[in-house]
């Protein structure tokens, strides 16, 4: 019994270590080729929009054919699996206080 529990914990820790999410920013977006350059920490990732899942700030999936693009400087949450971007979630835009 103890071996099974230990094996399950090790497997779960390995799965978490392989896939991680971090906050990033859109450096560039090419509407013609549907490619974005994302900066996460000190690394840059180039992704094709058709190859990743795009999520709205509320978490709903945006189909790649309906995606209108990024503005440079857009903040996003990026999920990376095995060194490759698999998901981009748009972060809510903070409105200025107006004061």
C-alpha atoms as a PDB file:
ATOM      1  CA  UNK A   1       0.000   0.000   0.000  1.00  0.00           C
ATOM      2  CA  UNK A   2       2.777   2.420   0.927  1.00  0.00           C
ATOM      3  CA  UNK A   3       4.595   1.688  -2.343  1.00  0.00           C
ATOM      4  CA  UNK A   4       1.482   2.533  -4.371  1.00  0.00           C
ATOM      5  CA  UNK A   5       1.001   5.832  -2.557  1.00  0.00           C
ATOM      6  CA  UNK A   6       4.665   6.738  -2.929  1.00  0.00           C
ATOM      7  CA  UNK A   7       4.615   5.860  -6.653  1.00  0.00           C
ATOM      8  CA  UNK A   8       1.503   8.008  -7.160  1.00  0.00           C
ATOM      9  CA  UNK A   9       3.118  10.983  -5.387  1.00  0.00           C
ATOM     10  CA  UNK A  10       6.309  10.681  -7.448  1.00  0.00           C
ATOM     11  CA  UNK A  11       4.305  10.469 -10.688  1.00  0.00           C
ATOM     12  CA  UNK A  12       2.280  13.531  -9.739  1.00  0.00           C
ATOM     13  CA  UNK A  13       5.399  15.558  -8.895  1.00  0.00           C
ATOM     14  CA  UNK A  14       6.959  14.597 -12.229  1.00  0.00           C
ATOM     15  CA  UNK A  15       3.845  15.691 -14.137  1.00  0.00           C
ATOM     16  CA  UNK A  16       3.832  19.068 -12.352  1.00  0.00           C
ATOM     17  CA  UNK A  17       7.521  19.628 -13.067  1.00  0.00           C
ATOM     18  CA  UNK A  18       7.083  19.041 -16.800  1.00  0.00           C
ATOM     19  CA  UNK A  19       4.227  21.523 -17.291  1.00  0.00           C
ATOM     20  CA  UNK A  20       4.328  25.016 -15.776  1.00  0.00           C
ATOM     21  CA  UNK A  21       2.684  28.392 -16.244  1.00  0.00           C
ATOM     22  CA  UNK A  22       4.200  31.844 -16.013  1.00  0.00           C
ATOM     23  CA  UNK A  23       3.257  35.408 -16.749  1.00  0.00           C
ATOM     24  CA  UNK A  24       4.651  36.798 -19.962  1.00  0.00           C
ATOM     25  CA  UNK A  25       4.253  39.640 -22.418  1.00  0.00           C
ATOM     26  CA  UNK A  26       3.693  39.745 -26.173  1.00  0.00           C
ATOM     27  CA  UNK A  27       6.762  41.232 -27.848  1.00  0.00           C
ATOM     28  CA  UNK A  28       5.604  40.992 -31.488  1.00  0.00           C
ATOM     29  CA  UNK A  29       2.625  39.705 -33.438  1.00  0.00           C
ATOM     30  CA  UNK A  30       2.581  39.114 -37.202  1.00  0.00           C
ATOM     31  CA  UNK A  31      -1.022  39.014 -38.411  1.00  0.00           C
ATOM     32  CA  UNK A  32      -0.033  37.726 -41.850  1.00  0.00           C
ATOM     33  CA  UNK A  33       1.748  34.595 -40.595  1.00  0.00           C
ATOM     34  CA  UNK A  34      -0.317  34.327 -37.367  1.00  0.00           C
ATOM     35  CA  UNK A  35       2.900  34.153 -35.328  1.00  0.00           C
ATOM     36  CA  UNK A  36       3.616  35.724 -31.947  1.00  0.00           C
ATOM     37  CA  UNK A  37       6.835  36.260 -30.031  1.00  0.00           C
ATOM     38  CA  UNK A  38       6.280  35.949 -26.279  1.00  0.00           C
ATOM     39  CA  UNK A  39       8.765  36.921 -23.608  1.00  0.00           C
ATOM     40  CA  UNK A  40       8.558  34.883 -20.402  1.00  0.00           C
ATOM     41  CA  UNK A  41      11.194  35.908 -17.900  1.00  0.00           C
ATOM     42  CA  UNK A  42      14.429  36.142 -19.882  1.00  0.00           C
ATOM     43  CA  UNK A  43      13.356  33.657 -22.595  1.00  0.00           C
ATOM     44  CA  UNK A  44      11.549  34.330 -25.858  1.00  0.00           C
ATOM     45  CA  UNK A  45       9.159  31.842 -27.471  1.00  0.00           C
ATOM     46  CA  UNK A  46       7.881  32.058 -31.049  1.00  0.00           C
ATOM     47  CA  UNK A  47       4.478  30.410 -31.484  1.00  0.00           C
ATOM     48  CA  UNK A  48       2.002  29.851 -34.318  1.00  0.00           C
ATOM     49  CA  UNK A  49      -1.499  30.708 -33.134  1.00  0.00           C
ATOM     50  CA  UNK A  50      -2.956  27.582 -34.785  1.00  0.00           C
ATOM     51  CA  UNK A  51      -0.635  25.394 -32.654  1.00  0.00           C
ATOM     52  CA  UNK A  52      -1.654  26.717 -29.212  1.00  0.00           C
ATOM     53  CA  UNK A  53      -4.844  27.068 -27.218  1.00  0.00           C
ATOM     54  CA  UNK A  54      -5.884  30.705 -26.720  1.00  0.00           C
ATOM     55  CA  UNK A  55      -8.065  31.537 -23.708  1.00  0.00           C
ATOM     56  CA  UNK A  56      -9.964  34.729 -22.919  1.00  0.00           C
ATOM     57  CA  UNK A  57      -9.498  36.386 -19.508  1.00  0.00           C
ATOM     58  CA  UNK A  58     -12.611  34.470 -18.351  1.00  0.00           C
ATOM     59  CA  UNK A  59     -11.120  31.148 -19.480  1.00  0.00           C
ATOM     60  CA  UNK A  60     -13.201  30.467 -22.588  1.00  0.00           C
ATOM     61  CA  UNK A  61     -11.402  29.073 -25.626  1.00  0.00           C
ATOM     62  CA  UNK A  62     -10.966  31.437 -28.585  1.00  0.00           C
ATOM     63  CA  UNK A  63     -10.801  29.443 -31.852  1.00  0.00           C
ATOM     64  CA  UNK A  64      -7.717  30.324 -33.911  1.00  0.00           C
ATOM     65  CA  UNK A  65      -9.824  31.311 -36.928  1.00  0.00           C
ATOM     66  CA  UNK A  66     -11.693  33.903 -34.804  1.00  0.00           C
ATOM     67  CA  UNK A  67      -8.603  35.225 -33.029  1.00  0.00           C
ATOM     68  CA  UNK A  68      -7.947  38.835 -34.068  1.00  0.00           C
ATOM     69  CA  UNK A  69      -4.398  39.156 -32.765  1.00  0.00           C
ATOM     70  CA  UNK A  70      -2.269  40.628 -29.998  1.00  0.00           C
ATOM     71  CA  UNK A  71      -1.082  44.137 -29.398  1.00  0.00           C
ATOM     72  CA  UNK A  72       2.590  44.354 -28.422  1.00  0.00           C
ATOM     73  CA  UNK A  73       2.842  44.676 -24.654  1.00  0.00           C
ATOM     74  CA  UNK A  74      -0.247  42.529 -23.954  1.00  0.00           C
ATOM     75  CA  UNK A  75       0.208  40.602 -20.701  1.00  0.00           C
ATOM     76  CA  UNK A  76      -0.587  36.899 -20.856  1.00  0.00           C
ATOM     77  CA  UNK A  77      -0.319  33.726 -18.801  1.00  0.00           C
ATOM     78  CA  UNK A  78       1.705  31.174 -20.744  1.00  0.00           C
ATOM     79  CA  UNK A  79       1.597  27.418 -20.115  1.00  0.00           C
ATOM     80  CA  UNK A  80       4.786  25.667 -21.172  1.00  0.00           C
ATOM     81  CA  UNK A  81       5.083  21.894 -21.532  1.00  0.00           C
ATOM     82  CA  UNK A  82       8.432  20.360 -22.398  1.00  0.00           C
ATOM     83  CA  UNK A  83       9.913  23.696 -23.475  1.00  0.00           C
ATOM     84  CA  UNK A  84       7.028  24.414 -25.870  1.00  0.00           C
ATOM     85  CA  UNK A  85       4.155  26.889 -25.393  1.00  0.00           C
ATOM     86  CA  UNK A  86       0.852  24.982 -25.356  1.00  0.00           C
ATOM     87  CA  UNK A  87      -1.588  27.575 -23.994  1.00  0.00           C
ATOM     88  CA  UNK A  88      -1.883  31.369 -23.850  1.00  0.00           C
ATOM     89  CA  UNK A  89      -4.420  33.019 -21.555  1.00  0.00           C
ATOM     90  CA  UNK A  90      -5.105  36.713 -21.964  1.00  0.00           C
ATOM     91  CA  UNK A  91      -4.949  38.588 -18.669  1.00  0.00           C
ATOM     92  CA  UNK A  92      -7.670  41.097 -17.796  1.00  0.00           C
ATOM     93  CA  UNK A  93      -6.824  44.676 -18.670  1.00  0.00           C
ATOM     94  CA  UNK A  94      -6.595  46.876 -15.603  1.00  0.00           C
ATOM     95  CA  UNK A  95      -8.513  50.110 -16.118  1.00  0.00           C
ATOM     96  CA  UNK A  96      -6.971  53.318 -14.821  1.00  0.00           C
ATOM     97  CA  UNK A  97      -8.683  54.834 -11.780  1.00  0.00           C
ATOM     98  CA  UNK A  98      -9.354  58.025 -13.663  1.00  0.00           C
ATOM     99  CA  UNK A  99      -8.042  60.230 -10.859  1.00  0.00           C
END
